[in-house]
C-alpha atoms as a PDB file:
ATOM      1  CA  MET A   1      77.478 100.084  82.979  1.00  0.00           C
ATOM      2  CA  SER A   2      75.177  99.557  81.642  1.00  0.00           C
ATOM      3  CA  THR A   3      73.502  96.185  82.197  1.00  0.00           C
ATOM      4  CA  VAL A   4      71.368  95.678  85.369  1.00  0.00           C
ATOM      5  CA  SER A   5      73.555  92.375  86.092  1.00  0.00           C
ATOM      6  CA  ARG A   6      76.676  92.490  88.917  1.00  0.00           C
ATOM      7  CA  ARG A   7      77.354  89.190  88.035  1.00  0.00           C
ATOM      8  CA  LEU A   8      79.546  87.378  85.930  1.00  0.00           C
ATOM      9  CA  ASP A   9      78.331  84.214  84.526  1.00  0.00           C
ATOM     10  CA  GLU A  10      74.822  86.186  83.761  1.00  0.00           C
ATOM     11  CA  LEU A  11      77.096  88.744  81.601  1.00  0.00           C
ATOM     12  CA  ARG A  12      77.877  88.330  77.678  1.00  0.00           C
ATOM     13  CA  HIS A  13      81.216  88.780  77.006  1.00  0.00           C
ATOM     14  CA  PRO A  14      80.741  92.376  75.348  1.00  0.00           C
ATOM     15  CA  GLU A  15      79.136  92.901  78.413  1.00  0.00           C
ATOM     16  CA  VAL A  16      82.192  91.740  80.480  1.00  0.00           C
ATOM     17  CA  GLU A  17      84.743  93.324  77.803  1.00  0.00           C
ATOM     18  CA  ALA A  18      82.562  97.375  77.993  1.00  0.00           C
ATOM     19  CA  TYR A  19      82.646  96.428  81.917  1.00  0.00           C
ATOM     20  CA  VAL A  20      86.499  95.955  82.154  1.00  0.00           C
ATOM     21  CA  GLU A  21      87.876  98.401  79.893  1.00  0.00           C
ATOM     22  CA  SER A  22      85.492 101.510  81.425  1.00  0.00           C
ATOM     23  CA  ALA A  23      86.079 100.255  85.123  1.00  0.00           C
ATOM     24  CA  GLU A  24      88.530 102.727  86.864  1.00  0.00           C
ATOM     25  CA  THR A  25      89.626  99.241  88.926  1.00  0.00           C
ATOM     26  CA  PRO A  26      88.716  96.628  87.106  1.00  0.00           C
ATOM     27  CA  THR A  27      87.024  94.798  90.459  1.00  0.00           C
ATOM     28  CA  ALA A  28      86.562  90.696  90.624  1.00  0.00           C
ATOM     29  CA  LEU A  29      84.349  89.714  94.048  1.00  0.00           C
ATOM     30  CA  ILE A  30      85.578  85.852  94.600  1.00  0.00           C
ATOM     31  CA  PRO A  31      82.573  84.471  97.383  1.00  0.00           C
ATOM     32  CA  VAL A  32      84.396  81.556  99.575  1.00  0.00           C
ATOM     33  CA  GLY A  33      82.025  79.289 100.587  1.00  0.00           C
ATOM     34  CA  THR A  34      81.892  75.857 102.127  1.00  0.00           C
ATOM     35  CA  THR A  35      79.231  73.200 102.535  1.00  0.00           C
ATOM     36  CA  GLU A  36      78.847  72.090 105.870  1.00  0.00           C
ATOM     37  CA  GLN A  37      76.665  71.332 108.614  1.00  0.00           C
ATOM     38  CA  HIS A  38      74.965  74.986 110.031  1.00  0.00           C
ATOM     39  CA  GLY A  39      73.523  72.402 113.280  1.00  0.00           C
ATOM     40  CA  ASP A  40      69.787  71.117 112.744  1.00  0.00           C
ATOM     41  CA  HIS A  41      67.949  74.350 111.672  1.00  0.00           C
ATOM     42  CA  LEU A  42      70.263  76.025 108.782  1.00  0.00           C
ATOM     43  CA  ALA A  43      71.710  75.228 105.332  1.00  0.00           C
ATOM     44  CA  MET A  44      74.500  73.624 104.186  1.00  0.00           C
ATOM     45  CA  GLY A  45      75.340  76.479 102.347  1.00  0.00           C
ATOM     46  CA  THR A  46      75.128  78.942 104.428  1.00  0.00           C
ATOM     47  CA  ASP A  47      78.797  79.498 104.688  1.00  0.00           C
ATOM     48  CA  ALA A  48      78.339  79.833 100.869  1.00  0.00           C
ATOM     49  CA  PHE A  49      75.518  82.095 100.601  1.00  0.00           C
ATOM     50  CA  ILE A  50      76.328  85.281 103.072  1.00  0.00           C
ATOM     51  CA  PRO A  51      79.553  85.819 101.301  1.00  0.00           C
ATOM     52  CA  THR A  52      77.685  85.586  98.299  1.00  0.00           C
ATOM     53  CA  GLU A  53      74.962  87.877  99.045  1.00  0.00           C
ATOM     54  CA  ILE A  54      77.441  90.240 100.655  1.00  0.00           C
ATOM     55  CA  CYS A  55      79.146  90.511  97.372  1.00  0.00           C
ATOM     56  CA  GLU A  56      76.186  90.932  95.772  1.00  0.00           C
ATOM     57  CA  ARG A  57      74.347  93.103  97.939  1.00  0.00           C
ATOM     58  CA  ILE A  58      77.630  95.579  96.868  1.00  0.00           C
ATOM     59  CA  ALA A  59      78.503  95.218  93.923  1.00  0.00           C
ATOM     60  CA  GLU A  60      77.245  97.917  92.517  1.00  0.00           C
ATOM     61  CA  GLU A  61      79.437 100.858  94.807  1.00  0.00           C
ATOM     62  CA  THR A  62      82.788  99.188  94.148  1.00  0.00           C
ATOM     63  CA  ASP A  63      82.317  98.778  90.996  1.00  0.00           C
ATOM     64  CA  ALA A  64      82.484  95.364  90.483  1.00  0.00           C
ATOM     65  CA  LEU A  65      81.859  92.290  89.422  1.00  0.00           C
ATOM     66  CA  VAL A  66      80.984  89.040  91.173  1.00  0.00           C
ATOM     67  CA  GLY A  67      82.191  85.926  90.102  1.00  0.00           C
ATOM     68  CA  PRO A  68      80.673  82.377  90.918  1.00  0.00           C
ATOM     69  CA  PRO A  69      81.543  81.316  94.418  1.00  0.00           C
ATOM     70  CA  ILE A  70      83.630  78.727  95.865  1.00  0.00           C
ATOM     71  CA  ASN A  71      81.600  76.393  97.362  1.00  0.00           C
ATOM     72  CA  TYR A  72      83.441  74.312  99.099  1.00  0.00           C
ATOM     73  CA  GLY A  73      86.158  75.246 101.958  1.00  0.00           C
ATOM     74  CA  ALA A  74      88.631  74.098 103.808  1.00  0.00           C
ATOM     75  CA  SER A  75      86.214  72.501 106.601  1.00  0.00           C
ATOM     76  CA  ASP A  76      87.993  69.412 107.163  1.00  0.00           C
ATOM     77  CA  MET A  77      87.107  69.961 110.707  1.00  0.00           C
ATOM     78  CA  HIS A  78      83.721  69.519 110.753  1.00  0.00           C
ATOM     79  CA  ALA A  79      84.450  66.009 109.453  1.00  0.00           C
ATOM     80  CA  GLY A  80      82.373  63.569 111.519  1.00  0.00           C
ATOM     81  CA  TYR A  81      79.094  65.440 110.324  1.00  0.00           C
ATOM     82  CA  THR A  82      76.401  62.906 107.673  1.00  0.00           C
ATOM     83  CA  GLY A  83      77.463  64.466 104.272  1.00  0.00           C
ATOM     84  CA  VAL A  84      80.200  67.624 104.848  1.00  0.00           C
ATOM     85  CA  THR A  85      82.559  68.171 102.052  1.00  0.00           C
ATOM     86  CA  TYR A  86      85.724  69.373 102.285  1.00  0.00           C
ATOM     87  CA  LEU A  87      88.978  70.522 100.627  1.00  0.00           C
ATOM     88  CA  ASN A  88      92.334  69.929 102.112  1.00  0.00           C
ATOM     89  CA  TYR A  89      93.865  73.943 102.748  1.00  0.00           C
ATOM     90  CA  ARG A  90      96.551  73.338  99.877  1.00  0.00           C
ATOM     91  CA  THR A  91      93.913  72.575  97.266  1.00  0.00           C
ATOM     92  CA  LEU A  92      92.101  75.763  98.427  1.00  0.00           C
ATOM     93  CA  ALA A  93      94.888  77.456  97.532  1.00  0.00           C
ATOM     94  CA  THR A  94      95.903  76.264  94.850  1.00  0.00           C
ATOM     95  CA  VAL A  95      92.033  77.559  93.257  1.00  0.00           C
ATOM     96  CA  VAL A  96      92.429  81.069  95.035  1.00  0.00           C
ATOM     97  CA  ARG A  97      95.968  80.822  92.959  1.00  0.00           C
ATOM     98  CA  ASP A  98      95.017  80.271  89.998  1.00  0.00           C
ATOM     99  CA  LEU A  99      90.835  82.117  89.917  1.00  0.00           C
ATOM    100  CA  ALA A 100      93.763  85.088  90.583  1.00  0.00           C
ATOM    101  CA  TYR A 101      95.802  84.331  87.249  1.00  0.00           C
ATOM    102  CA  SER A 102      93.365  83.742  84.957  1.00  0.00           C
ATOM    103  CA  LEU A 103      90.960  87.156  85.966  1.00  0.00           C
ATOM    104  CA  VAL A 104      94.086  89.251  85.949  1.00  0.00           C
ATOM    105  CA  GLU A 105      95.103  87.555  82.966  1.00  0.00           C
ATOM    106  CA  GLY A 106      91.263  88.258  81.379  1.00  0.00           C
ATOM    107  CA  GLY A 107      91.231  92.213  82.808  1.00  0.00           C
ATOM    108  CA  PHE A 108      90.933  92.500  85.923  1.00  0.00           C
ATOM    109  CA  THR A 109      93.306  94.634  88.492  1.00  0.00           C
ATOM    110  CA  ASP A 110      91.983  93.851  91.633  1.00  0.00           C
ATOM    111  CA  VAL A 111      90.839  90.364  93.021  1.00  0.00           C
ATOM    112  CA  VAL A 112      89.530  89.345  95.898  1.00  0.00           C
ATOM    113  CA  PHE A 113      88.357  87.062  97.574  1.00  0.00           C
ATOM    114  CA  VAL A 114      86.033  87.088 100.498  1.00  0.00           C
ATOM    115  CA  SER A 115      84.741  84.188 102.517  1.00  0.00           C
ATOM    116  CA  GLY A 116      82.446  83.132 105.207  1.00  0.00           C
ATOM    117  CA  HIS A 117      84.465  80.362 106.840  1.00  0.00           C
ATOM    118  CA  LEU A 118      87.469  81.000 109.256  1.00  0.00           C
ATOM    119  CA  THR A 119      90.200  78.280 108.231  1.00  0.00           C
ATOM    120  CA  ASN A 120      88.604  79.329 104.613  1.00  0.00           C
ATOM    121  CA  ASP A 121      90.669  82.168 105.292  1.00  0.00           C
ATOM    122  CA  TYR A 122      93.929  80.666 106.246  1.00  0.00           C
ATOM    123  CA  ALA A 123      94.044  79.148 102.334  1.00  0.00           C
ATOM    124  CA  ALA A 124      92.616  81.568 100.391  1.00  0.00           C
ATOM    125  CA  LYS A 125      95.469  83.952 101.914  1.00  0.00           C
ATOM    126  CA  VAL A 126      98.325  81.231 101.051  1.00  0.00           C
ATOM    127  CA  GLY A 127      97.226  81.493  97.598  1.00  0.00           C
ATOM    128  CA  ALA A 128      97.007  85.092  97.095  1.00  0.00           C
ATOM    129  CA  ASN A 129      99.906  85.492  98.714  1.00  0.00           C
ATOM    130  CA  GLN A 130     101.331  83.106  95.284  1.00  0.00           C
ATOM    131  CA  ALA A 131      99.413  84.671  93.221  1.00  0.00           C
ATOM    132  CA  SER A 132     100.929  88.064  94.403  1.00  0.00           C
ATOM    133  CA  HIS A 133     104.128  86.395  93.381  1.00  0.00           C
ATOM    134  CA  ASP A 134     103.663  86.369  89.743  1.00  0.00           C
ATOM    135  CA  LEU A 135     101.876  89.734  89.203  1.00  0.00           C
ATOM    136  CA  SER A 136     102.283  92.853  88.690  1.00  0.00           C
ATOM    137  CA  ASP A 137     102.652  95.794  90.587  1.00  0.00           C
ATOM    138  CA  ASP A 138      99.232  97.177  89.383  1.00  0.00           C
ATOM    139  CA  ALA A 139      97.616  93.824  90.189  1.00  0.00           C
ATOM    140  CA  TYR A 140      96.203  93.183  93.380  1.00  0.00           C
ATOM    141  CA  VAL A 141      94.696  89.804  95.241  1.00  0.00           C
ATOM    142  CA  TYR A 142      93.867  90.030  98.911  1.00  0.00           C
ATOM    143  CA  ALA A 143      91.268  87.633 101.091  1.00  0.00           C
ATOM    144  CA  PHE A 144      89.737  88.181 104.159  1.00  0.00           C
ATOM    145  CA  PRO A 145      86.212  86.939 105.781  1.00  0.00           C
ATOM    146  CA  TYR A 146      83.806  89.392 106.075  1.00  0.00           C
ATOM    147  CA  TRP A 147      83.623  89.614 109.364  1.00  0.00           C
ATOM    148  CA  ASP A 148      86.804  90.676 109.533  1.00  0.00           C
ATOM    149  CA  ALA A 149      85.659  94.939 108.303  1.00  0.00           C
ATOM    150  CA  LEU A 150      83.108  95.099 111.228  1.00  0.00           C
ATOM    151  CA  SER A 151      83.869  96.713 114.521  1.00  0.00           C
ATOM    152  CA  GLY A 152      84.481  95.400 117.665  1.00  0.00           C
ATOM    153  CA  GLU A 153      80.443  96.451 118.390  1.00  0.00           C
ATOM    154  CA  ASP A 154      79.033  95.043 115.969  1.00  0.00           C
ATOM    155  CA  MET A 155      81.115  91.566 115.971  1.00  0.00           C
ATOM    156  CA  GLU A 156      80.459  91.249 119.181  1.00  0.00           C
ATOM    157  CA  GLU A 157      76.742  90.571 118.185  1.00  0.00           C
ATOM    158  CA  TYR A 158      77.210  89.006 115.452  1.00  0.00           C
ATOM    159  CA  LEU A 159      79.893  86.668 116.106  1.00  0.00           C
ATOM    160  CA  SER A 160      81.849  85.568 119.327  1.00  0.00           C
ATOM    161  CA  PHE A 161      81.160  83.927 122.778  1.00  0.00           C
ATOM    162  CA  GLU A 162      78.068  86.578 124.483  1.00  0.00           C
ATOM    163  CA  ALA A 163      76.432  86.196 119.859  1.00  0.00           C
ATOM    164  CA  GLY A 164      77.852  81.618 118.872  1.00  0.00           C
ATOM    165  CA  TRP A 165      80.047  81.266 116.847  1.00  0.00           C
ATOM    166  CA  HIS A 166      78.399  78.760 114.673  1.00  0.00           C
ATOM    167  CA  ALA A 167      74.491  78.120 112.840  1.00  0.00           C
ATOM    168  CA  ASN A 168      74.319  81.207 115.318  1.00  0.00           C
ATOM    169  CA  VAL A 169      71.577  84.210 116.275  1.00  0.00           C
ATOM    170  CA  GLY A 170      74.157  86.359 112.916  1.00  0.00           C
ATOM    171  CA  GLU A 171      74.607  83.348 110.531  1.00  0.00           C
ATOM    172  CA  THR A 172      71.317  82.228 111.403  1.00  0.00           C
ATOM    173  CA  ALA A 173      69.133  85.911 111.140  1.00  0.00           C
ATOM    174  CA  ALA A 174      71.425  86.352 107.499  1.00  0.00           C
ATOM    175  CA  VAL A 175      70.462  82.939 106.070  1.00  0.00           C
ATOM    176  CA  MET A 176      66.920  84.192 107.104  1.00  0.00           C
ATOM    177  CA  ALA A 177      67.849  87.541 104.991  1.00  0.00           C
ATOM    178  CA  ILE A 178      67.977  85.519 102.163  1.00  0.00           C
ATOM    179  CA  ASP A 179      65.447  83.231 102.320  1.00  0.00           C
ATOM    180  CA  GLU A 180      63.376  82.114 105.529  1.00  0.00           C
ATOM    181  CA  GLY A 181      62.647  78.171 103.539  1.00  0.00           C
ATOM    182  CA  LEU A 182      66.557  77.927 103.835  1.00  0.00           C
ATOM    183  CA  VAL A 183      65.813  78.190 108.035  1.00  0.00           C
ATOM    184  CA  ASP A 184      63.850  75.828 111.007  1.00  0.00           C
ATOM    185  CA  LEU A 185      64.419  77.726 113.781  1.00  0.00           C
ATOM    186  CA  GLU A 186      61.303  74.913 115.452  1.00  0.00           C
ATOM    187  CA  SER A 187      64.178  72.670 115.182  1.00  0.00           C
ATOM    188  CA  ALA A 188      67.294  74.603 116.375  1.00  0.00           C
ATOM    189  CA  PRO A 189      68.971  72.663 119.098  1.00  0.00           C
ATOM    190  CA  PHE A 190      72.003  74.361 120.363  1.00  0.00           C
ATOM    191  CA  ASP A 191      75.805  74.236 122.451  1.00  0.00           C
ATOM    192  CA  ASP A 192      77.151  76.234 124.440  1.00  0.00           C
ATOM    193  CA  PRO A 193      81.364  74.746 124.877  1.00  0.00           C
ATOM    194  CA  ALA A 194      82.357  76.103 128.077  1.00  0.00           C
ATOM    195  CA  MET A 195      85.193  78.094 126.759  1.00  0.00           C
ATOM    196  CA  PRO A 196      88.081  79.213 130.168  1.00  0.00           C
ATOM    197  CA  GLN A 197      86.901  83.197 130.641  1.00  0.00           C
ATOM    198  CA  ASP A 198      89.874  82.850 133.137  1.00  0.00           C
ATOM    199  CA  ILE A 199      93.018  84.511 129.985  1.00  0.00           C
ATOM    200  CA  ASP A 200      93.425  87.575 129.004  1.00  0.00           C
ATOM    201  CA  ASN A 201      92.118  86.601 125.172  1.00  0.00           C
ATOM    202  CA  PRO A 202      89.920  83.573 125.170  1.00  0.00           C
ATOM    203  CA  GLY A 203      89.384  84.211 121.696  1.00  0.00           C
ATOM    204  CA  ALA A 204      92.615  82.728 121.228  1.00  0.00           C
ATOM    205  CA  MET A 205      92.009  79.587 122.274  1.00  0.00           C
ATOM    206  CA  LEU A 206      89.246  79.171 118.642  1.00  0.00           C
ATOM    207  CA  ASP A 207      92.726  78.783 116.461  1.00  0.00           C
ATOM    208  CA  PRO A 208      94.097  75.718 118.750  1.00  0.00           C
ATOM    209  CA  LEU A 209      90.766  74.286 119.536  1.00  0.00           C
ATOM    210  CA  LEU A 210      89.485  74.321 116.053  1.00  0.00           C
ATOM    211  CA  ILE A 211      92.849  73.341 113.867  1.00  0.00           C
ATOM    212  CA  GLY A 212      92.312  69.667 112.512  1.00  0.00           C
ATOM    213  CA  LYS A 213      90.083  67.009 110.873  1.00  0.00           C
ATOM    214  CA  GLY A 214      87.182  66.604 113.055  1.00  0.00           C
ATOM    215  CA  SER A 215      87.596  69.008 115.907  1.00  0.00           C
ATOM    216  CA  TYR A 216      84.591  71.152 115.544  1.00  0.00           C
ATOM    217  CA  TYR A 217      82.924  67.576 115.621  1.00  0.00           C
ATOM    218  CA  ARG A 218      84.305  67.038 118.992  1.00  0.00           C
ATOM    219  CA  VAL A 219      83.003  70.402 120.685  1.00  0.00           C
ATOM    220  CA  SER A 220      79.323  70.023 119.301  1.00  0.00           C
ATOM    221  CA  PRO A 221      77.778  67.495 119.173  1.00  0.00           C
ATOM    222  CA  ASN A 222      74.845  68.930 117.137  1.00  0.00           C
ATOM    223  CA  GLY A 223      76.757  71.585 115.034  1.00  0.00           C
ATOM    224  CA  ALA A 224      74.996  74.973 116.282  1.00  0.00           C
ATOM    225  CA  TRP A 225      77.501  77.191 118.511  1.00  0.00           C
ATOM    226  CA  GLY A 226      75.458  80.080 120.468  1.00  0.00           C
ATOM    227  CA  ASP A 227      71.182  79.954 120.673  1.00  0.00           C
ATOM    228  CA  PRO A 228      69.566  81.295 116.989  1.00  0.00           C
ATOM    229  CA  GLY A 229      66.626  81.424 118.594  1.00  0.00           C
ATOM    230  CA  GLU A 230      65.917  84.739 118.584  1.00  0.00           C
ATOM    231  CA  ALA A 231      66.786  85.143 114.413  1.00  0.00           C
ATOM    232  CA  THR A 232      64.918  86.708 112.369  1.00  0.00           C
ATOM    233  CA  ALA A 233      64.683  88.053 108.721  1.00  0.00           C
ATOM    234  CA  GLU A 234      63.955  91.605 109.704  1.00  0.00           C
ATOM    235  CA  LEU A 235      67.269  90.998 111.787  1.00  0.00           C
ATOM    236  CA  GLY A 236      69.326  89.642 109.740  1.00  0.00           C
ATOM    237  CA  GLU A 237      68.580  92.779 107.040  1.00  0.00           C
ATOM    238  CA  GLU A 238      70.345  95.026 109.940  1.00  0.00           C
ATOM    239  CA  TYR A 239      73.302  92.424 109.780  1.00  0.00           C
ATOM    240  CA  PHE A 240      73.385  93.085 106.231  1.00  0.00           C
ATOM    241  CA  ALA A 241      73.342  96.422 106.422  1.00  0.00           C
ATOM    242  CA  THR A 242      76.476  97.170 108.857  1.00  0.00           C
ATOM    243  CA  ILE A 243      78.087  93.987 107.182  1.00  0.00           C
ATOM    244  CA  THR A 244      78.174  95.826 103.642  1.00  0.00           C
ATOM    245  CA  ASP A 245      78.744  98.694 105.066  1.00  0.00           C
ATOM    246  CA  ALA A 246      81.971  97.939 106.398  1.00  0.00           C
ATOM    247  CA  VAL A 247      82.655  95.081 103.308  1.00  0.00           C
ATOM    248  CA  ALA A 248      82.649  98.055 100.682  1.00  0.00           C
ATOM    249  CA  GLU A 249      84.629 100.577 102.805  1.00  0.00           C
ATOM    250  CA  LEU A 250      87.011  98.513 102.899  1.00  0.00           C
ATOM    251  CA  ILE A 251      87.532  97.803  99.463  1.00  0.00           C
ATOM    252  CA  ASN A 252      86.577 101.129  98.688  1.00  0.00           C
ATOM    253  CA  THR A 253      89.590 102.768 101.014  1.00  0.00           C
ATOM    254  CA  PHE A 254      92.295 100.441 100.209  1.00  0.00           C
ATOM    255  CA  GLN A 255      91.753 101.046  97.077  1.00  0.00           C
ATOM    256  CA  ASP A 256      91.781 104.886  97.159  1.00  0.00           C
ATOM    257  CA  VAL A 257      95.370 104.863  99.695  1.00  0.00           C
ATOM    258  CA  ARG A 258      96.917 101.669  98.415  1.00  0.00           C
ATOM    259  CA  GLY A 259      98.271 104.792  96.202  1.00  0.00           C
ATOM    260  CA  GLU A 260      99.769 106.403  98.876  1.00  0.00           C
ATOM    261  CA  LEU A 261     100.917 104.239 101.096  1.00  0.00           C
ATOM    262  CA  TYR A 262     103.412 101.920  98.593  1.00  0.00           C
ATOM    263  CA  GLN A 263     105.527 103.860  98.252  1.00  0.00           C
ATOM    264  CA  ARG A 264     108.028 101.305  95.539  1.00  0.00           C
ATOM    265  CA  GLU A 265     107.270  98.904  94.065  1.00  0.00           C
ATOM    266  CA  ARG A 266     107.572  94.746  94.509  1.00  0.00           C
ATOM    267  CA  PRO A 267     110.965  93.312  94.651  1.00  0.00           C
ATOM    268  CA  ALA A 268     111.826  91.669  90.976  1.00  0.00           C
ATOM    269  CA  ARG A 269     112.919  88.477  93.477  1.00  0.00           C
ATOM    270  CA  ALA A 270     109.005  88.448  94.270  1.00  0.00           C
ATOM    271  CA  ARG A 271     107.261  88.418  90.822  1.00  0.00           C
ATOM    272  CA  GLU A 272     109.708  85.810  89.822  1.00  0.00           C
ATOM    273  CA  GLY A 273     108.470  83.659  92.408  1.00  0.00           C
ATOM    274  CA  GLN A 274     111.597  83.268  94.384  1.00  0.00           C
END
């Protein structure tokens, strides 16, 4: 690309045309976030800021353009905190489906929804699946939360029972690396819910615990799960280096190997939406 920007909304139409015509795999990265509380110390847009930053940092390596983020998400679990906004899962799935349709119609072969919020991914995967029923075999629409690309060891350090799950040291450091003015560590109380540890996979408890309107609100009085006190911008840069390498590797590897892994065309009935 001749232009410096990789943001779709900053490009002129001829620049977008030039990208689509020249790219081997025209790819759109769409960050999917929320507007919800993140404790007393983090900005409400944290779950949109982080995946947007990731997408912008990997755009060159994945030869992709970055679309404007979806700033409202499936965060009804946070209903109860002041100022929280959310879409229901069906609405978000429809937004994802419609964006995928239009981007593929506009020349992109790959549309990747990168989420920064756990339950966004449930809806985003439904929307991506719906889109795949009507798109051609050479169009790929998929969704994942950015942390899914991390190794178990890196995930343990960033998001886990030890590190915390929400507005924790990982998310706080990442936002500080973006803009320290969005963080006030002097106002950072946190919760440490007493999750059972005597079952084979304590992490599996998160799914039943955090499904339903206001479920997180009921678990965490102040909204932060995990101590963010050790967060720094430098640590955030370390996290971003690890996360961006992993996310870019996932996207690039899928594009490289799918031609060998997919051995047959999609069934006709799927393309007919049946």
